[in-house]
């Protein structure tokens, strides 16, 4: 594994350490193996649907956080802030 969070190959130890955005969590190897097995069995269409679902969930969570931190923003302003955050813009 590398520190960017991408999994290169399953580790041979009983516990896998996965780094995601600077956080490390321990995952039992059997769970990781089952997850990898399921991911490898997915069709391209299933993978695209799963990634879209994750993207939508991340968008909704970020929008909720922005709304909570800035209750005076309109929905349009919240969506613009999420868009800027996703794109990495500081403007």
Protein backbone atom coordinates (compact mmCIF):
# COMPACT_ATOMS: atom_id res chain seq x y z
CA UNK A 1 0.00 0.00 0.00
CA UNK A 2 1.06 3.54 -0.46
CA UNK A 3 0.22 6.56 1.66
CA UNK A 4 -2.16 8.04 -0.91
CA UNK A 5 -4.81 5.54 0.19
CA UNK A 6 -4.73 3.43 -2.97
CA UNK A 7 -4.56 -0.29 -2.37
CA UNK A 8 -1.83 -1.89 -4.47
CA UNK A 9 -2.11 -5.44 -3.17
CA UNK A 10 -3.74 -7.07 -0.18
CA UNK A 11 -1.28 -7.39 2.68
CA UNK A 12 -0.36 -10.82 3.95
CA UNK A 13 -0.80 -9.88 7.61
CA UNK A 14 -3.94 -10.63 9.59
CA UNK A 15 -4.77 -6.93 9.81
CA UNK A 16 -4.71 -4.57 6.86
CA UNK A 17 -3.96 -0.92 7.44
CA UNK A 18 -5.72 1.36 5.00
CA UNK A 19 -4.80 5.03 4.81
CA UNK A 20 -7.59 7.31 3.65
CA UNK A 21 -7.06 11.07 3.69
CA UNK A 22 -4.47 10.84 6.43
CA UNK A 23 -6.45 8.45 8.64
CA UNK A 24 -5.37 4.90 9.30
CA UNK A 25 -7.83 2.22 10.29
CA UNK A 26 -7.36 -1.45 11.00
CA UNK A 27 -9.51 -3.78 8.91
CA UNK A 28 -9.55 -7.54 9.54
CA UNK A 29 -7.94 -9.29 6.58
CA UNK A 30 -10.96 -11.53 6.01
CA UNK A 31 -13.21 -8.48 5.64
CA UNK A 32 -10.78 -6.84 3.23
CA UNK A 33 -10.50 -10.06 1.21
CA UNK A 34 -14.29 -10.29 0.92
CA UNK A 35 -14.53 -6.64 -0.11
CA UNK A 36 -11.84 -7.10 -2.75
CA UNK A 37 -13.52 -10.27 -4.02
CA UNK A 38 -16.83 -8.43 -4.37
CA UNK A 39 -15.20 -5.44 -6.09
CA UNK A 40 -13.40 -7.69 -8.57
CA UNK A 41 -16.66 -9.48 -9.37
CA UNK A 42 -18.50 -6.23 -10.15
CA UNK A 43 -19.20 -5.28 -13.74
CA UNK A 44 -18.01 -1.91 -15.02
CA UNK A 45 -21.60 -0.64 -14.84
CA UNK A 46 -21.91 -1.71 -11.19
CA UNK A 47 -18.64 0.04 -10.37
CA UNK A 48 -19.84 3.23 -12.05
CA UNK A 49 -23.14 3.09 -10.13
CA UNK A 50 -21.29 2.52 -6.85
CA UNK A 51 -18.91 5.41 -7.50
CA UNK A 52 -21.82 7.71 -8.39
CA UNK A 53 -23.59 6.71 -5.19
CA UNK A 54 -20.45 7.48 -3.15
CA UNK A 55 -20.03 10.82 -4.94
CA UNK A 56 -23.64 11.78 -4.24
CA UNK A 57 -23.29 10.80 -0.58
CA UNK A 58 -20.07 12.84 -0.23
CA UNK A 59 -21.77 15.83 -1.89
CA UNK A 60 -24.77 15.60 0.44
CA UNK A 61 -22.59 15.28 3.55
CA UNK A 62 -20.45 18.27 2.56
CA UNK A 63 -23.57 20.33 1.80
CA UNK A 64 -25.04 19.42 5.20
CA UNK A 65 -21.79 20.44 6.94
CA UNK A 66 -21.68 23.76 5.05
CA UNK A 67 -25.35 24.45 5.93
CA UNK A 68 -24.65 23.73 9.61
CA UNK A 69 -21.58 25.99 9.66
CA UNK A 70 -23.26 28.75 7.62
CA UNK A 71 -27.02 28.77 8.33
CA UNK A 72 -27.42 32.14 6.59
CA UNK A 73 -26.43 30.76 3.14
CA UNK A 74 -29.10 30.13 0.52
CA UNK A 75 -29.32 26.67 -1.05
CA UNK A 76 -27.70 28.03 -4.20
CA UNK A 77 -24.78 29.40 -2.16
CA UNK A 78 -24.42 26.06 -0.34
CA UNK A 79 -24.28 24.19 -3.66
CA UNK A 80 -21.74 26.70 -5.02
CA UNK A 81 -19.60 26.20 -1.90
CA UNK A 82 -19.71 22.42 -2.34
CA UNK A 83 -18.79 22.81 -6.00
CA UNK A 84 -15.80 25.00 -5.05
CA UNK A 85 -14.71 22.52 -2.38
CA UNK A 86 -14.97 19.55 -4.78
CA UNK A 87 -13.00 21.40 -7.47
CA UNK A 88 -10.36 22.56 -4.99
CA UNK A 89 -11.05 26.21 -5.75
CA UNK A 90 -10.28 28.79 -3.08
CA UNK A 91 -12.36 31.54 -4.69
